[in-house]
Amino acid sequence: MPIDVSIGKGKKVTVNSISQKNDQLEIIFTAKGIPLYTFGFEGGISIYDKSMDKKDKEAYDIIRMNVLSNNRYKAIIPIKRGINKNDKFIEYDRDINKAFICIGNYDEMYKEIGKIDLKK
């Protein structure tokens, strides 16, 4: 850390830190040249579960941002994750070694900006 990724001319996302607190992941990042609304809706920032198919809606969790200051944001993501599969609700622990932070969601172009690895 930090991980810098260009997502277009004059646009950059920096993942500053990833930490585990209790049963949640806390991600702090900085955005440069990206409008605030990018983070507020589907298609903003999401977590992609690499163990699932990229075309599967269930593989993505949209991250809701808390604005800190100076284009800095914080996201809190639960380790426990639940999905609907074959009309059954399945809950499991998110495997941080198979999770990626992405720009966009399942039906848009996405860019992996960093593998979540708490060991780094």
PDB file of N, CA and C in Angstrom:
ATOM      1  N   MET A   1       0.858  -1.159   0.000  1.00  0.00           N
ATOM      2  CA  MET A   1       0.000   0.000   0.000  1.00  0.00           C
ATOM      3  C   MET A   1       0.907   1.224   0.000  1.00  0.00           C
ATOM      4  N   PRO A   2       0.529   2.264  -0.532  1.00  0.00           N
ATOM      5  CA  PRO A   2      -0.679   2.510  -1.313  1.00  0.00           C
ATOM      6  C   PRO A   2      -0.586   1.940  -2.724  1.00  0.00           C
ATOM      7  N   ILE A   3      -1.775   1.742  -3.337  1.00  0.00           N
ATOM      8  CA  ILE A   3      -1.863   1.268  -4.716  1.00  0.00           C
ATOM      9  C   ILE A   3      -2.501   2.380  -5.535  1.00  0.00           C
ATOM     10  N   ASP A   4      -1.765   2.892  -6.533  1.00  0.00           N
ATOM     11  CA  ASP A   4      -2.276   3.926  -7.440  1.00  0.00           C
ATOM     12  C   ASP A   4      -2.687   3.289  -8.750  1.00  0.00           C
ATOM     13  N   VAL A   5      -3.840   3.711  -9.254  1.00  0.00           N
ATOM     14  CA  VAL A   5      -4.287   3.221 -10.550  1.00  0.00           C
ATOM     15  C   VAL A   5      -4.916   4.357 -11.322  1.00  0.00           C
ATOM     16  N   SER A   6      -4.463   4.546 -12.556  1.00  0.00           N
ATOM     17  CA  SER A   6      -5.056   5.533 -13.448  1.00  0.00           C
ATOM     18  C   SER A   6      -6.308   4.924 -14.054  1.00  0.00           C
ATOM     19  N   ILE A   7      -7.401   5.688 -14.039  1.00  0.00           N
ATOM     20  CA  ILE A   7      -8.643   5.193 -14.643  1.00  0.00           C
ATOM     21  C   ILE A   7      -9.126   6.151 -15.717  1.00  0.00           C
ATOM     22  N   GLY A   8      -8.182   6.805 -16.355  1.00  0.00           N
ATOM     23  CA  GLY A   8      -8.505   7.750 -17.414  1.00  0.00           C
ATOM     24  C   GLY A   8      -7.634   8.982 -17.275  1.00  0.00           C
ATOM     25  N   LYS A   9      -7.649   9.809 -18.281  1.00  0.00           N
ATOM     26  CA  LYS A   9      -6.810  10.998 -18.295  1.00  0.00           C
ATOM     27  C   LYS A   9      -7.162  11.907 -17.113  1.00  0.00           C
ATOM     28  N   GLY A  10      -6.180  12.136 -16.271  1.00  0.00           N
ATOM     29  CA  GLY A  10      -6.364  12.998 -15.115  1.00  0.00           C
ATOM     30  C   GLY A  10      -7.194  12.392 -13.993  1.00  0.00           C
ATOM     31  N   LYS A  11      -7.475  11.079 -14.079  1.00  0.00           N
ATOM     32  CA  LYS A  11      -8.286  10.415 -13.053  1.00  0.00           C
ATOM     33  C   LYS A  11      -7.474   9.292 -12.425  1.00  0.00           C
ATOM     34  N   LYS A  12      -7.516   9.245 -11.110  1.00  0.00           N
ATOM     35  CA  LYS A  12      -6.717   8.245 -10.413  1.00  0.00           C
ATOM     36  C   LYS A  12      -7.414   7.863  -9.110  1.00  0.00           C
ATOM     37  N   VAL A  13      -7.304   6.606  -8.756  1.00  0.00           N
ATOM     38  CA  VAL A  13      -7.764   6.121  -7.463  1.00  0.00           C
ATOM     39  C   VAL A  13      -6.547   5.560  -6.740  1.00  0.00           C
ATOM     40  N   THR A  14      -6.395   5.941  -5.481  1.00  0.00           N
ATOM     41  CA  THR A  14      -5.323   5.415  -4.652  1.00  0.00           C
ATOM     42  C   THR A  14      -5.942   4.686  -3.471  1.00  0.00           C
ATOM     43  N   VAL A  15      -5.655   3.405  -3.351  1.00  0.00           N
ATOM     44  CA  VAL A  15      -6.064   2.656  -2.166  1.00  0.00           C
ATOM     45  C   VAL A  15      -4.959   2.879  -1.145  1.00  0.00           C
ATOM     46  N   ASN A  16      -5.300   3.600  -0.066  1.00  0.00           N
ATOM     47  CA  ASN A  16      -4.306   3.975   0.941  1.00  0.00           C
ATOM     48  C   ASN A  16      -4.093   2.898   1.995  1.00  0.00           C
ATOM     49  N   SER A  17      -5.170   2.277   2.426  1.00  0.00           N
ATOM     50  CA  SER A  17      -5.029   1.237   3.445  1.00  0.00           C
ATOM     51  C   SER A  17      -6.234   0.306   3.431  1.00  0.00           C
ATOM     52  N   ILE A  18      -5.974  -0.921   3.834  1.00  0.00           N
ATOM     53  CA  ILE A  18      -7.018  -1.919   4.017  1.00  0.00           C
ATOM     54  C   ILE A  18      -6.724  -2.582   5.353  1.00  0.00           C
ATOM     55  N   SER A  19      -7.693  -2.558   6.247  1.00  0.00           N
ATOM     56  CA  SER A  19      -7.485  -3.176   7.553  1.00  0.00           C
ATOM     57  C   SER A  19      -8.728  -3.957   7.947  1.00  0.00           C
ATOM     58  N   GLN A  20      -8.524  -4.904   8.842  1.00  0.00           N
ATOM     59  CA  GLN A  20      -9.648  -5.684   9.338  1.00  0.00           C
ATOM     60  C   GLN A  20      -9.907  -5.272  10.772  1.00  0.00           C
ATOM     61  N   LYS A  21     -11.148  -4.880  11.046  1.00  0.00           N
ATOM     62  CA  LYS A  21     -11.559  -4.495  12.393  1.00  0.00           C
ATOM     63  C   LYS A  21     -12.809  -5.288  12.717  1.00  0.00           C
ATOM     64  N   ASN A  22     -12.720  -6.097  13.764  1.00  0.00           N
ATOM     65  CA  ASN A  22     -13.819  -6.976  14.136  1.00  0.00           C
ATOM     66  C   ASN A  22     -14.171  -7.861  12.946  1.00  0.00           C
ATOM     67  N   ASP A  23     -15.395  -7.836  12.486  1.00  0.00           N
ATOM     68  CA  ASP A  23     -15.813  -8.668  11.356  1.00  0.00           C
ATOM     69  C   ASP A  23     -16.024  -7.843  10.100  1.00  0.00           C
ATOM     70  N   GLN A  24     -15.203  -6.789   9.942  1.00  0.00           N
ATOM     71  CA  GLN A  24     -15.353  -5.891   8.796  1.00  0.00           C
ATOM     72  C   GLN A  24     -13.996  -5.524   8.212  1.00  0.00           C
ATOM     73  N   LEU A  25     -14.016  -5.211   6.922  1.00  0.00           N
ATOM     74  CA  LEU A  25     -12.848  -4.634   6.266  1.00  0.00           C
ATOM     75  C   LEU A  25     -13.068  -3.135   6.176  1.00  0.00           C
ATOM     76  N   GLU A  26     -12.032  -2.367   6.460  1.00  0.00           N
ATOM     77  CA  GLU A  26     -12.098  -0.914   6.304  1.00  0.00           C
ATOM     78  C   GLU A  26     -11.105  -0.528   5.217  1.00  0.00           C
ATOM     79  N   ILE A  27     -11.602   0.132   4.180  1.00  0.00           N
ATOM     80  CA  ILE A  27     -10.755   0.550   3.062  1.00  0.00           C
ATOM     81  C   ILE A  27     -10.764   2.069   3.008  1.00  0.00           C
ATOM     82  N   ILE A  28      -9.573   2.663   3.000  1.00  0.00           N
ATOM     83  CA  ILE A  28      -9.428   4.111   2.868  1.00  0.00           C
ATOM     84  C   ILE A  28      -8.786   4.366   1.509  1.00  0.00           C
ATOM     85  N   PHE A  29      -9.388   5.248   0.727  1.00  0.00           N
ATOM     86  CA  PHE A  29      -8.782   5.578  -0.556  1.00  0.00           C
ATOM     87  C   PHE A  29      -9.000   7.037  -0.903  1.00  0.00           C
ATOM     88  N   THR A  30      -8.245   7.501  -1.883  1.00  0.00           N
ATOM     89  CA  THR A  30      -8.304   8.870  -2.372  1.00  0.00           C
ATOM     90  C   THR A  30      -8.650   8.830  -3.849  1.00  0.00           C
ATOM     91  N   ALA A  31      -9.482   9.755  -4.281  1.00  0.00           N
ATOM     92  CA  ALA A  31      -9.859   9.854  -5.696  1.00  0.00           C
ATOM     93  C   ALA A  31      -9.408  11.201  -6.234  1.00  0.00           C
ATOM     94  N   LYS A  32      -8.853  11.182  -7.427  1.00  0.00           N
ATOM     95  CA  LYS A  32      -8.439  12.423  -8.079  1.00  0.00           C
ATOM     96  C   LYS A  32      -9.108  12.494  -9.446  1.00  0.00           C
ATOM     97  N   GLY A  33      -9.829  13.575  -9.700  1.00  0.00           N
ATOM     98  CA  GLY A  33     -10.439  13.790 -11.007  1.00  0.00           C
ATOM     99  C   GLY A  33     -11.700  12.995 -11.251  1.00  0.00           C
ATOM    100  N   ILE A  34     -12.288  12.440 -10.184  1.00  0.00           N
ATOM    101  CA  ILE A  34     -13.509  11.646 -10.323  1.00  0.00           C
ATOM    102  C   ILE A  34     -14.613  12.347  -9.544  1.00  0.00           C
ATOM    103  N   PRO A  35     -15.758  12.604 -10.163  1.00  0.00           N
ATOM    104  CA  PRO A  35     -16.847  13.266  -9.446  1.00  0.00           C
ATOM    105  C   PRO A  35     -17.359  12.424  -8.279  1.00  0.00           C
ATOM    106  N   LEU A  36     -17.795  13.099  -7.243  1.00  0.00           N
ATOM    107  CA  LEU A  36     -18.280  12.435  -6.042  1.00  0.00           C
ATOM    108  C   LEU A  36     -19.400  11.449  -6.336  1.00  0.00           C
ATOM    109  N   TYR A  37     -20.304  11.772  -7.269  1.00  0.00           N
ATOM    110  CA  TYR A  37     -21.440  10.881  -7.541  1.00  0.00           C
ATOM    111  C   TYR A  37     -21.005   9.519  -8.069  1.00  0.00           C
ATOM    112  N   THR A  38     -19.797   9.413  -8.589  1.00  0.00           N
ATOM    113  CA  THR A  38     -19.284   8.132  -9.078  1.00  0.00           C
ATOM    114  C   THR A  38     -19.344   7.074  -7.984  1.00  0.00           C
ATOM    115  N   PHE A  39     -19.177   7.493  -6.741  1.00  0.00           N
ATOM    116  CA  PHE A  39     -19.124   6.538  -5.639  1.00  0.00           C
ATOM    117  C   PHE A  39     -20.482   6.261  -5.020  1.00  0.00           C
ATOM    118  N   GLY A  40     -21.504   7.002  -5.406  1.00  0.00           N
ATOM    119  CA  GLY A  40     -22.779   6.903  -4.725  1.00  0.00           C
ATOM    120  C   GLY A  40     -23.770   5.917  -5.305  1.00  0.00           C
ATOM    121  N   PHE A  41     -23.536   5.425  -6.497  1.00  0.00           N
ATOM    122  CA  PHE A  41     -24.542   4.607  -7.173  1.00  0.00           C
ATOM    123  C   PHE A  41     -23.909   3.352  -7.754  1.00  0.00           C
ATOM    124  N   GLU A  42     -24.733   2.457  -8.267  1.00  0.00           N
ATOM    125  CA  GLU A  42     -24.209   1.274  -8.940  1.00  0.00           C
ATOM    126  C   GLU A  42     -23.309   1.720 -10.079  1.00  0.00           C
ATOM    127  N   GLY A  43     -22.236   1.005 -10.263  1.00  0.00           N
ATOM    128  CA  GLY A  43     -21.285   1.383 -11.291  1.00  0.00           C
ATOM    129  C   GLY A  43     -20.154   2.210 -10.736  1.00  0.00           C
ATOM    130  N   GLY A  44     -20.192   2.486  -9.430  1.00  0.00           N
ATOM    131  CA  GLY A  44     -19.119   3.235  -8.794  1.00  0.00           C
ATOM    132  C   GLY A  44     -17.979   2.303  -8.434  1.00  0.00           C
ATOM    133  N   ILE A  45     -17.786   2.109  -7.150  1.00  0.00           N
ATOM    134  CA  ILE A  45     -16.750   1.215  -6.665  1.00  0.00           C
ATOM    135  C   ILE A  45     -17.433  -0.048  -6.145  1.00  0.00           C
ATOM    136  N   SER A  46     -16.870  -1.193  -6.480  1.00  0.00           N
ATOM    137  CA  SER A  46     -17.443  -2.447  -5.997  1.00  0.00           C
ATOM    138  C   SER A  46     -16.342  -3.431  -5.637  1.00  0.00           C
ATOM    139  N   ILE A  47     -16.737  -4.460  -4.912  1.00  0.00           N
ATOM    140  CA  ILE A  47     -15.844  -5.571  -4.601  1.00  0.00           C
ATOM    141  C   ILE A  47     -16.298  -6.741  -5.463  1.00  0.00           C
ATOM    142  N   TYR A  48     -15.356  -7.316  -6.187  1.00  0.00           N
ATOM    143  CA  TYR A  48     -15.634  -8.460  -7.056  1.00  0.00           C
ATOM    144  C   TYR A  48     -15.051  -9.714  -6.414  1.00  0.00           C
ATOM    145  N   ASP A  49     -15.841 -10.747  -6.293  1.00  0.00           N
ATOM    146  CA  ASP A  49     -15.412 -12.032  -5.753  1.00  0.00           C
ATOM    147  C   ASP A  49     -14.892 -12.882  -6.908  1.00  0.00           C
ATOM    148  N   LYS A  50     -13.572 -13.020  -6.973  1.00  0.00           N
ATOM    149  CA  LYS A  50     -12.933 -13.698  -8.105  1.00  0.00           C
ATOM    150  C   LYS A  50     -13.289 -15.185  -8.202  1.00  0.00           C
ATOM    151  N   SER A  51     -13.822 -15.752  -7.130  1.00  0.00           N
ATOM    152  CA  SER A  51     -14.197 -17.167  -7.193  1.00  0.00           C
ATOM    153  C   SER A  51     -15.500 -17.364  -7.971  1.00  0.00           C
ATOM    154  N   MET A  52     -16.148 -16.252  -8.367  1.00  0.00           N
ATOM    155  CA  MET A  52     -17.410 -16.325  -9.105  1.00  0.00           C
ATOM    156  C   MET A  52     -17.228 -15.789 -10.525  1.00  0.00           C
ATOM    157  N   ASP A  53     -18.179 -16.078 -11.388  1.00  0.00           N
ATOM    158  CA  ASP A  53     -18.169 -15.626 -12.778  1.00  0.00           C
ATOM    159  C   ASP A  53     -18.352 -14.112 -12.844  1.00  0.00           C
ATOM    160  N   LYS A  54     -17.541 -13.442 -13.659  1.00  0.00           N
ATOM    161  CA  LYS A  54     -17.622 -11.987 -13.817  1.00  0.00           C
ATOM    162  C   LYS A  54     -18.994 -11.523 -14.286  1.00  0.00           C
ATOM    163  N   LYS A  55     -19.727 -12.378 -14.982  1.00  0.00           N
ATOM    164  CA  LYS A  55     -21.036 -11.996 -15.515  1.00  0.00           C
ATOM    165  C   LYS A  55     -22.161 -12.197 -14.500  1.00  0.00           C
ATOM    166  N   ASP A  56     -21.838 -12.770 -13.366  1.00  0.00           N
ATOM    167  CA  ASP A  56     -22.840 -13.048 -12.336  1.00  0.00           C
ATOM    168  C   ASP A  56     -23.011 -11.831 -11.427  1.00  0.00           C
ATOM    169  N   LYS A  57     -24.241 -11.317 -11.335  1.00  0.00           N
ATOM    170  CA  LYS A  57     -24.529 -10.177 -10.457  1.00  0.00           C
ATOM    171  C   LYS A  57     -24.091 -10.439  -9.021  1.00  0.00           C
ATOM    172  N   GLU A  58     -24.232 -11.664  -8.580  1.00  0.00           N
ATOM    173  CA  GLU A  58     -23.906 -12.017  -7.196  1.00  0.00           C
ATOM    174  C   GLU A  58     -22.411 -11.921  -6.897  1.00  0.00           C
ATOM    175  N   ALA A  59     -21.578 -11.806  -7.923  1.00  0.00           N
ATOM    176  CA  ALA A  59     -20.135 -11.728  -7.717  1.00  0.00           C
ATOM    177  C   ALA A  59     -19.685 -10.345  -7.249  1.00  0.00           C
ATOM    178  N   TYR A  60     -20.577  -9.365  -7.310  1.00  0.00           N
ATOM    179  CA  TYR A  60     -20.222  -7.983  -6.995  1.00  0.00           C
ATOM    180  C   TYR A  60     -21.017  -7.454  -5.814  1.00  0.00           C
ATOM    181  N   ASP A  61     -20.345  -6.705  -4.970  1.00  0.00           N
ATOM    182  CA  ASP A  61     -20.992  -5.950  -3.905  1.00  0.00           C
ATOM    183  C   ASP A  61     -20.635  -4.488  -4.106  1.00  0.00           C
ATOM    184  N   ILE A  62     -21.656  -3.653  -4.237  1.00  0.00           N
ATOM    185  CA  ILE A  62     -21.427  -2.217  -4.372  1.00  0.00           C
ATOM    186  C   ILE A  62     -20.960  -1.681  -3.025  1.00  0.00           C
ATOM    187  N   ILE A  63     -19.951  -0.844  -3.044  1.00  0.00           N
ATOM    188  CA  ILE A  63     -19.422  -0.249  -1.822  1.00  0.00           C
ATOM    189  C   ILE A  63     -20.009   1.142  -1.658  1.00  0.00           C
ATOM    190  N   ARG A  64     -20.583   1.394  -0.508  1.00  0.00           N
ATOM    191  CA  ARG A  64     -21.058   2.737  -0.168  1.00  0.00           C
ATOM    192  C   ARG A  64     -19.929   3.475   0.540  1.00  0.00           C
ATOM    193  N   MET A  65     -19.698   4.696   0.119  1.00  0.00           N
ATOM    194  CA  MET A  65     -18.593   5.484   0.635  1.00  0.00           C
ATOM    195  C   MET A  65     -19.025   6.447   1.732  1.00  0.00           C
ATOM    196  N   ASN A  66     -18.143   6.651   2.694  1.00  0.00           N
ATOM    197  CA  ASN A  66     -18.259   7.744   3.648  1.00  0.00           C
ATOM    198  C   ASN A  66     -17.202   8.760   3.251  1.00  0.00           C
ATOM    199  N   VAL A  67     -17.603  10.014   3.087  1.00  0.00           N
ATOM    200  CA  VAL A  67     -16.662  11.058   2.696  1.00  0.00           C
ATOM    201  C   VAL A  67     -15.885  11.487   3.929  1.00  0.00           C
ATOM    202  N   LEU A  68     -14.556  11.487   3.837  1.00  0.00           N
ATOM    203  CA  LEU A  68     -13.715  11.940   4.940  1.00  0.00           C
ATOM    204  C   LEU A  68     -13.383  13.415   4.732  1.00  0.00           C
ATOM    205  N   SER A  69     -12.466  13.725   3.840  1.00  0.00           N
ATOM    206  CA  SER A  69     -12.122  15.102   3.459  1.00  0.00           C
ATOM    207  C   SER A  69     -11.061  15.046   2.376  1.00  0.00           C
ATOM    208  N   ASN A  70     -10.877  16.150   1.660  1.00  0.00           N
ATOM    209  CA  ASN A  70      -9.834  16.241   0.628  1.00  0.00           C
ATOM    210  C   ASN A  70      -9.849  15.058  -0.335  1.00  0.00           C
ATOM    211  N   ASN A  71     -11.030  14.729  -0.873  1.00  0.00           N
ATOM    212  CA  ASN A  71     -11.193  13.623  -1.820  1.00  0.00           C
ATOM    213  C   ASN A  71     -10.813  12.268  -1.238  1.00  0.00           C
ATOM    214  N   ARG A  72     -10.907  12.139   0.082  1.00  0.00           N
ATOM    215  CA  ARG A  72     -10.637  10.863   0.754  1.00  0.00           C
ATOM    216  C   ARG A  72     -11.960  10.227   1.156  1.00  0.00           C
ATOM    217  N   TYR A  73     -12.003   8.904   1.056  1.00  0.00           N
ATOM    218  CA  TYR A  73     -13.219   8.156   1.321  1.00  0.00           C
ATOM    219  C   TYR A  73     -12.907   6.933   2.171  1.00  0.00           C
ATOM    220  N   LYS A  74     -13.922   6.471   2.887  1.00  0.00           N
ATOM    221  CA  LYS A  74     -13.788   5.250   3.683  1.00  0.00           C
ATOM    222  C   LYS A  74     -14.959   4.337   3.349  1.00  0.00           C
ATOM    223  N   ALA A  75     -14.659   3.068   3.195  1.00  0.00           N
ATOM    224  CA  ALA A  75     -15.693   2.059   2.964  1.00  0.00           C
ATOM    225  C   ALA A  75     -15.561   0.986   4.034  1.00  0.00           C
ATOM    226  N   ILE A  76     -16.687   0.575   4.582  1.00  0.00           N
ATOM    227  CA  ILE A  76     -16.724  -0.519   5.552  1.00  0.00           C
ATOM    228  C   ILE A  76     -17.473  -1.679   4.893  1.00  0.00           C
ATOM    229  N   ILE A  77     -16.822  -2.837   4.836  1.00  0.00           N
ATOM    230  CA  ILE A  77     -17.395  -4.000   4.159  1.00  0.00           C
ATOM    231  C   ILE A  77     -17.405  -5.178   5.130  1.00  0.00           C
ATOM    232  N   PRO A  78     -18.555  -5.789   5.349  1.00  0.00           N
ATOM    233  CA  PRO A  78     -18.596  -6.947   6.255  1.00  0.00           C
ATOM    234  C   PRO A  78     -17.844  -8.141   5.675  1.00  0.00           C
ATOM    235  N   ILE A  79     -17.181  -8.879   6.559  1.00  0.00           N
ATOM    236  CA  ILE A  79     -16.509 -10.113   6.138  1.00  0.00           C
ATOM    237  C   ILE A  79     -17.565 -11.150   5.734  1.00  0.00           C
ATOM    238  N   LYS A  80     -18.639 -11.232   6.495  1.00  0.00           N
ATOM    239  CA  LYS A  80     -19.729 -12.158   6.159  1.00  0.00           C
ATOM    240  C   LYS A  80     -20.442 -11.657   4.918  1.00  0.00           C
ATOM    241  N   ARG A  81     -20.764 -12.573   4.032  1.00  0.00           N
ATOM    242  CA  ARG A  81     -21.415 -12.223   2.774  1.00  0.00           C
ATOM    243  C   ARG A  81     -22.542 -13.209   2.526  1.00  0.00           C
ATOM    244  N   GLY A  82     -23.656 -12.729   2.040  1.00  0.00           N
ATOM    245  CA  GLY A  82     -24.778 -13.600   1.733  1.00  0.00           C
ATOM    246  C   GLY A  82     -25.219 -13.437   0.290  1.00  0.00           C
ATOM    247  N   ILE A  83     -25.545 -14.554  -0.348  1.00  0.00           N
ATOM    248  CA  ILE A  83     -26.040 -14.521  -1.728  1.00  0.00           C
ATOM    249  C   ILE A  83     -27.229 -15.468  -1.857  1.00  0.00           C
ATOM    250  N   ASN A  84     -28.039 -15.217  -2.862  1.00  0.00           N
ATOM    251  CA  ASN A  84     -29.131 -16.129  -3.207  1.00  0.00           C
ATOM    252  C   ASN A  84     -28.644 -17.055  -4.308  1.00  0.00           C
ATOM    253  N   LYS A  85     -28.734 -18.338  -4.061  1.00  0.00           N
ATOM    254  CA  LYS A  85     -28.302 -19.317  -5.057  1.00  0.00           C
ATOM    255  C   LYS A  85     -29.330 -20.435  -5.091  1.00  0.00           C
ATOM    256  N   ASN A  86     -29.894 -20.658  -6.264  1.00  0.00           N
ATOM    257  CA  ASN A  86     -30.914 -21.699  -6.434  1.00  0.00           C
ATOM    258  C   ASN A  86     -32.039 -21.550  -5.414  1.00  0.00           C
ATOM    259  N   ASP A  87     -32.516 -20.324  -5.274  1.00  0.00           N
ATOM    260  CA  ASP A  87     -33.616 -20.001  -4.352  1.00  0.00           C
ATOM    261  C   ASP A  87     -33.293 -20.275  -2.886  1.00  0.00           C
ATOM    262  N   LYS A  88     -32.015 -20.314  -2.545  1.00  0.00           N
ATOM    263  CA  LYS A  88     -31.594 -20.479  -1.155  1.00  0.00           C
ATOM    264  C   LYS A  88     -30.630 -19.358  -0.803  1.00  0.00           C
ATOM    265  N   PHE A  89     -30.728 -18.868   0.427  1.00  0.00           N
ATOM    266  CA  PHE A  89     -29.807 -17.844   0.907  1.00  0.00           C
ATOM    267  C   PHE A  89     -28.611 -18.544   1.537  1.00  0.00           C
ATOM    268  N   ILE A  90     -27.424 -18.245   1.019  1.00  0.00           N
ATOM    269  CA  ILE A  90     -26.189 -18.856   1.506  1.00  0.00           C
ATOM    270  C   ILE A  90     -25.320 -17.756   2.100  1.00  0.00           C
ATOM    271  N   GLU A  91     -24.839 -17.970   3.327  1.00  0.00           N
ATOM    272  CA  GLU A  91     -23.951 -17.002   3.966  1.00  0.00           C
ATOM    273  C   GLU A  91     -22.578 -17.634   4.129  1.00  0.00           C
ATOM    274  N   TYR A  92     -21.539 -16.861   3.838  1.00  0.00           N
ATOM    275  CA  TYR A  92     -20.175 -17.355   3.980  1.00  0.00           C
ATOM    276  C   TYR A  92     -19.252 -16.183   4.259  1.00  0.00           C
ATOM    277  N   ASP A  93     -18.025 -16.491   4.673  1.00  0.00           N
ATOM    278  CA  ASP A  93     -17.033 -15.451   4.919  1.00  0.00           C
ATOM    279  C   ASP A  93     -16.357 -15.087   3.609  1.00  0.00           C
ATOM    280  N   ARG A  94     -16.225 -13.801   3.381  1.00  0.00           N
ATOM    281  CA  ARG A  94     -15.551 -13.290   2.188  1.00  0.00           C
ATOM    282  C   ARG A  94     -14.083 -13.715   2.242  1.00  0.00           C
ATOM    283  N   ASP A  95     -13.573 -14.275   1.168  1.00  0.00           N
ATOM    284  CA  ASP A  95     -12.162 -14.648   1.072  1.00  0.00           C
ATOM    285  C   ASP A  95     -11.409 -13.443   0.530  1.00  0.00           C
ATOM    286  N   ILE A  96     -10.667 -12.782   1.408  1.00  0.00           N
ATOM    287  CA  ILE A  96      -9.996 -11.549   0.996  1.00  0.00           C
ATOM    288  C   ILE A  96      -8.913 -11.785  -0.044  1.00  0.00           C
ATOM    289  N   ASN A  97      -8.457 -13.024  -0.169  1.00  0.00           N
ATOM    290  CA  ASN A  97      -7.452 -13.322  -1.184  1.00  0.00           C
ATOM    291  C   ASN A  97      -8.069 -13.533  -2.565  1.00  0.00           C
ATOM    292  N   LYS A  98      -9.405 -13.560  -2.643  1.00  0.00           N
ATOM    293  CA  LYS A  98     -10.091 -13.715  -3.928  1.00  0.00           C
ATOM    294  C   LYS A  98     -10.976 -12.515  -4.226  1.00  0.00           C
ATOM    295  N   ALA A  99     -10.715 -11.402  -3.543  1.00  0.00           N
ATOM    296  CA  ALA A  99     -11.545 -10.212  -3.728  1.00  0.00           C
ATOM    297  C   ALA A  99     -10.732  -9.098  -4.372  1.00  0.00           C
ATOM    298  N   PHE A 100     -11.375  -8.380  -5.276  1.00  0.00           N
ATOM    299  CA  PHE A 100     -10.733  -7.263  -5.950  1.00  0.00           C
ATOM    300  C   PHE A 100     -11.610  -6.032  -5.824  1.00  0.00           C
ATOM    301  N   ILE A 101     -10.966  -4.889  -5.671  1.00  0.00           N
ATOM    302  CA  ILE A 101     -11.688  -3.622  -5.724  1.00  0.00           C
ATOM    303  C   ILE A 101     -11.805  -3.272  -7.197  1.00  0.00           C
ATOM    304  N   CYS A 102     -13.001  -2.908  -7.642  1.00  0.00           N
ATOM    305  CA  CYS A 102     -13.244  -2.634  -9.059  1.00  0.00           C
ATOM    306  C   CYS A 102     -13.920  -1.289  -9.258  1.00  0.00           C
ATOM    307  N   ILE A 103     -13.676  -0.708 -10.408  1.00  0.00           N
ATOM    308  CA  ILE A 103     -14.426   0.457 -10.862  1.00  0.00           C
ATOM    309  C   ILE A 103     -15.494  -0.089 -11.792  1.00  0.00           C
ATOM    310  N   GLY A 104     -16.746   0.189 -11.512  1.00  0.00           N
ATOM    311  CA  GLY A 104     -17.841  -0.318 -12.328  1.00  0.00           C
ATOM    312  C   GLY A 104     -18.437  -1.564 -11.716  1.00  0.00           C
ATOM    313  N   ASN A 105     -19.496  -2.067 -12.324  1.00  0.00           N
ATOM    314  CA  ASN A 105     -20.123  -3.279 -11.813  1.00  0.00           C
ATOM    315  C   ASN A 105     -20.270  -4.298 -12.928  1.00  0.00           C
ATOM    316  N   TYR A 106     -21.053  -5.333 -12.682  1.00  0.00           N
ATOM    317  CA  TYR A 106     -21.089  -6.494 -13.576  1.00  0.00           C
ATOM    318  C   TYR A 106     -21.486  -6.171 -15.004  1.00  0.00           C
ATOM    319  N   ASP A 107     -22.290  -5.134 -15.231  1.00  0.00           N
ATOM    320  CA  ASP A 107     -22.741  -4.877 -16.602  1.00  0.00           C
ATOM    321  C   ASP A 107     -21.992  -3.728 -17.269  1.00  0.00           C
ATOM    322  N   GLU A 108     -20.931  -3.282 -16.645  1.00  0.00           N
ATOM    323  CA  GLU A 108     -20.127  -2.208 -17.212  1.00  0.00           C
ATOM    324  C   GLU A 108     -18.678  -2.664 -17.282  1.00  0.00           C
ATOM    325  N   MET A 109     -17.900  -1.909 -18.003  1.00  0.00           N
ATOM    326  CA  MET A 109     -16.476  -2.183 -18.029  1.00  0.00           C
ATOM    327  C   MET A 109     -15.932  -1.954 -16.621  1.00  0.00           C
ATOM    328  N   TYR A 110     -15.134  -2.855 -16.131  1.00  0.00           N
ATOM    329  CA  TYR A 110     -14.570  -2.674 -14.804  1.00  0.00           C
ATOM    330  C   TYR A 110     -13.058  -2.767 -14.881  1.00  0.00           C
ATOM    331  N   LYS A 111     -12.422  -2.275 -13.871  1.00  0.00           N
ATOM    332  CA  LYS A 111     -10.977  -2.334 -13.802  1.00  0.00           C
ATOM    333  C   LYS A 111     -10.592  -2.762 -12.394  1.00  0.00           C
ATOM    334  N   GLU A 112      -9.848  -3.839 -12.296  1.00  0.00           N
ATOM    335  CA  GLU A 112      -9.367  -4.259 -10.991  1.00  0.00           C
ATOM    336  C   GLU A 112      -8.294  -3.270 -10.571  1.00  0.00           C
ATOM    337  N   ILE A 113      -8.435  -2.722  -9.372  1.00  0.00           N
ATOM    338  CA  ILE A 113      -7.445  -1.734  -8.957  1.00  0.00           C
ATOM    339  C   ILE A 113      -6.578  -2.220  -7.815  1.00  0.00           C
ATOM    340  N   GLY A 114      -6.820  -3.389  -7.334  1.00  0.00           N
ATOM    341  CA  GLY A 114      -5.938  -3.914  -6.310  1.00  0.00           C
ATOM    342  C   GLY A 114      -6.514  -5.147  -5.663  1.00  0.00           C
ATOM    343  N   LYS A 115      -5.686  -6.120  -5.461  1.00  0.00           N
ATOM    344  CA  LYS A 115      -6.119  -7.323  -4.770  1.00  0.00           C
ATOM    345  C   LYS A 115      -6.142  -7.010  -3.283  1.00  0.00           C
ATOM    346  N   ILE A 116      -7.220  -7.341  -2.630  1.00  0.00           N
ATOM    347  CA  ILE A 116      -7.306  -7.109  -1.198  1.00  0.00           C
ATOM    348  C   ILE A 116      -6.491  -8.189  -0.507  1.00  0.00           C
ATOM    349  N   ASP A 117      -5.425  -7.786   0.113  1.00  0.00           N
ATOM    350  CA  ASP A 117      -4.548  -8.714   0.817  1.00  0.00           C
ATOM    351  C   ASP A 117      -4.107  -8.026   2.097  1.00  0.00           C
ATOM    352  N   LEU A 118      -4.662  -8.423   3.232  1.00  0.00           N
ATOM    353  CA  LEU A 118      -4.358  -7.765   4.498  1.00  0.00           C
ATOM    354  C   LEU A 118      -2.946  -8.035   4.978  1.00  0.00           C
ATOM    355  N   LYS A 119      -2.243  -8.964   4.353  1.00  0.00           N
ATOM    356  CA  LYS A 119      -0.877  -9.275   4.769  1.00  0.00           C
ATOM    357  C   LYS A 119       0.113  -8.216   4.315  1.00  0.00           C
ATOM    358  N   LYS A 120      -0.276  -7.408   3.326  1.00  0.00           N
ATOM    359  CA  LYS A 120       0.643  -6.385   2.800  1.00  0.00           C
ATOM    360  C   LYS A 120       0.578  -5.138   3.637  1.00  0.00           C
TER     361      LYS A 120
END
